[in-house]
Amino acid sequence: MRALVPLSLRSRFLLLVLLGAVIPLGLVGYWLSRSARQSGERLVRERLEASLLDVVNSVGGQWGSHRSSLLDLAENGRLHVEANDRELRVRGVAVDAASVGKVLRAAVDAANAIRW
């Protein structure tokens, strides 16, 4: 059986530096990089959700007035008469711009105010 050979001063110093500094700093670096990645992903996700909410609120507010105008236009009896007189068909056949302009002009009076 062999006896353990005592380590030299140089070997002891290198072992102390390795165990006391390099390994703990490596573990701390790994932990910091992992937590920084998670924090960055969370920040990007929160900012994307906030900007999406802003867009939804903006478009939603504008859509209400556009939808109301389109429904009023669809319910206008005079436009239905004009559309039927011109034999406009939207489904299946492309409608030409001149016919659409004539129909839309029927919704506007002489003062360029929209008649609903």
Protein backbone atom coordinates (compact mmCIF):
# COMPACT_ATOMS: atom_id res chain seq x y z
CA MET A 1 0.00 0.00 0.00
CA ARG A 2 1.32 3.37 -0.98
CA ALA A 3 1.26 6.35 1.26
CA LEU A 4 -0.25 9.57 -0.04
CA VAL A 5 2.32 11.92 -1.41
CA PRO A 6 1.95 15.38 0.15
CA LEU A 7 1.05 18.10 -2.33
CA SER A 8 3.53 20.79 -3.07
CA LEU A 9 2.85 24.41 -2.19
CA ARG A 10 2.24 25.20 -5.84
CA SER A 11 -0.32 22.40 -6.21
CA ARG A 12 -2.12 23.46 -3.02
CA PHE A 13 -2.32 27.06 -4.25
CA LEU A 14 -3.73 26.02 -7.65
CA LEU A 15 -6.27 23.74 -5.96
CA LEU A 16 -7.31 26.58 -3.65
CA VAL A 17 -7.74 28.99 -6.56
CA LEU A 18 -9.69 26.40 -8.55
CA LEU A 19 -12.05 25.42 -5.73
CA GLY A 20 -12.31 28.87 -4.17
CA ALA A 21 -12.68 31.11 -7.21
CA VAL A 22 -13.08 29.49 -10.62
CA ILE A 23 -15.85 26.99 -9.86
CA PRO A 24 -18.01 29.37 -7.78
CA LEU A 25 -17.61 32.15 -10.36
CA GLY A 26 -18.57 29.73 -13.12
CA LEU A 27 -21.71 28.72 -11.22
CA VAL A 28 -22.64 32.36 -10.55
CA GLY A 29 -22.08 33.21 -14.23
CA TYR A 30 -24.32 30.35 -15.33
CA TRP A 31 -27.06 31.43 -12.91
CA LEU A 32 -26.82 35.09 -14.02
CA SER A 33 -26.97 34.30 -17.72
CA ARG A 34 -29.98 32.01 -17.23
CA SER A 35 -31.87 34.58 -15.14
CA ALA A 36 -30.99 37.40 -17.58
CA ARG A 37 -32.39 35.34 -20.47
CA GLN A 38 -35.61 34.66 -18.59
CA SER A 39 -35.97 38.32 -17.59
CA GLY A 40 -35.40 39.44 -21.18
CA GLU A 41 -37.98 37.01 -22.53
CA ARG A 42 -40.51 38.14 -19.91
CA LEU A 43 -39.86 41.82 -20.76
CA VAL A 44 -40.30 41.22 -24.50
CA ARG A 45 -43.50 39.23 -23.88
CA GLU A 46 -44.94 42.01 -21.67
CA ARG A 47 -44.09 44.72 -24.22
CA LEU A 48 -45.62 42.72 -27.08
CA GLU A 49 -48.80 42.15 -25.08
CA ALA A 50 -48.99 45.86 -24.20
CA SER A 51 -48.52 46.95 -27.82
CA LEU A 52 -51.07 44.38 -29.00
CA LEU A 53 -53.56 45.72 -26.46
CA ASP A 54 -52.94 49.28 -27.73
CA VAL A 55 -53.53 48.18 -31.33
CA VAL A 56 -56.69 46.28 -30.39
CA ASN A 57 -58.06 49.29 -28.52
CA SER A 58 -57.21 51.64 -31.39
CA VAL A 59 -58.68 49.43 -34.11
CA GLY A 60 -61.68 48.55 -31.96
CA GLY A 61 -62.58 52.22 -31.49
CA GLN A 62 -62.27 52.93 -35.19
CA TRP A 63 -64.15 49.79 -36.17
CA GLY A 64 -67.22 50.87 -34.20
CA SER A 65 -67.72 53.99 -36.30
CA HIS A 66 -66.92 52.20 -39.58
CA ARG A 67 -69.31 49.37 -38.75
CA SER A 68 -72.03 51.84 -37.85
CA SER A 69 -71.55 53.70 -41.14
CA LEU A 70 -71.61 50.48 -43.14
CA LEU A 71 -74.76 49.28 -41.41
CA ASP A 72 -76.46 52.64 -42.01
CA LEU A 73 -75.43 52.48 -45.65
CA ALA A 74 -76.75 48.93 -45.98
CA GLU A 75 -80.09 49.88 -44.44
CA ASN A 76 -80.61 52.96 -46.65
CA GLY A 77 -83.66 52.34 -48.83
CA ARG A 78 -82.69 54.78 -51.57
CA LEU A 79 -79.36 53.04 -52.06
CA HIS A 80 -81.14 49.72 -52.42
CA VAL A 81 -83.34 51.22 -55.15
CA GLU A 82 -80.28 52.66 -56.95
CA ALA A 83 -78.44 49.38 -56.63
CA ASN A 84 -81.41 47.44 -57.98
CA ASP A 85 -81.91 49.88 -60.86
CA ARG A 86 -78.28 49.54 -61.89
CA GLU A 87 -78.36 45.76 -61.50
CA LEU A 88 -75.23 45.72 -59.38
CA ARG A 89 -74.17 42.29 -58.30
CA VAL A 90 -71.33 42.08 -55.85
CA ARG A 91 -71.07 38.33 -55.45
CA GLY A 92 -69.55 36.49 -58.36
CA VAL A 93 -69.20 39.52 -60.64
CA ALA A 94 -66.78 42.40 -60.22
CA VAL A 95 -68.58 45.73 -59.81
CA ASP A 96 -67.16 48.58 -61.88
CA ALA A 97 -66.12 51.82 -60.19
CA ALA A 98 -68.58 53.99 -62.14
CA SER A 99 -71.57 52.04 -60.88
CA VAL A 100 -70.34 52.14 -57.31
CA GLY A 101 -69.77 55.89 -57.60
CA LYS A 102 -73.34 56.42 -58.81
CA VAL A 103 -74.72 54.40 -55.94
CA LEU A 104 -72.65 56.23 -53.36
CA ARG A 105 -73.60 59.60 -54.84
CA ALA A 106 -77.20 58.72 -54.07
CA ALA A 107 -76.27 58.74 -50.37
CA VAL A 108 -74.87 62.29 -50.51
CA ASP A 109 -77.05 65.37 -50.81
CA ALA A 110 -76.22 68.67 -52.55
CA ALA A 111 -74.31 70.01 -49.54
CA ASN A 112 -72.04 66.91 -49.55
CA ALA A 113 -73.59 65.74 -46.31
CA ILE A 114 -74.13 62.02 -46.06
CA ARG A 115 -77.81 61.09 -45.89
CA TRP A 116 -78.42 58.10 -43.72
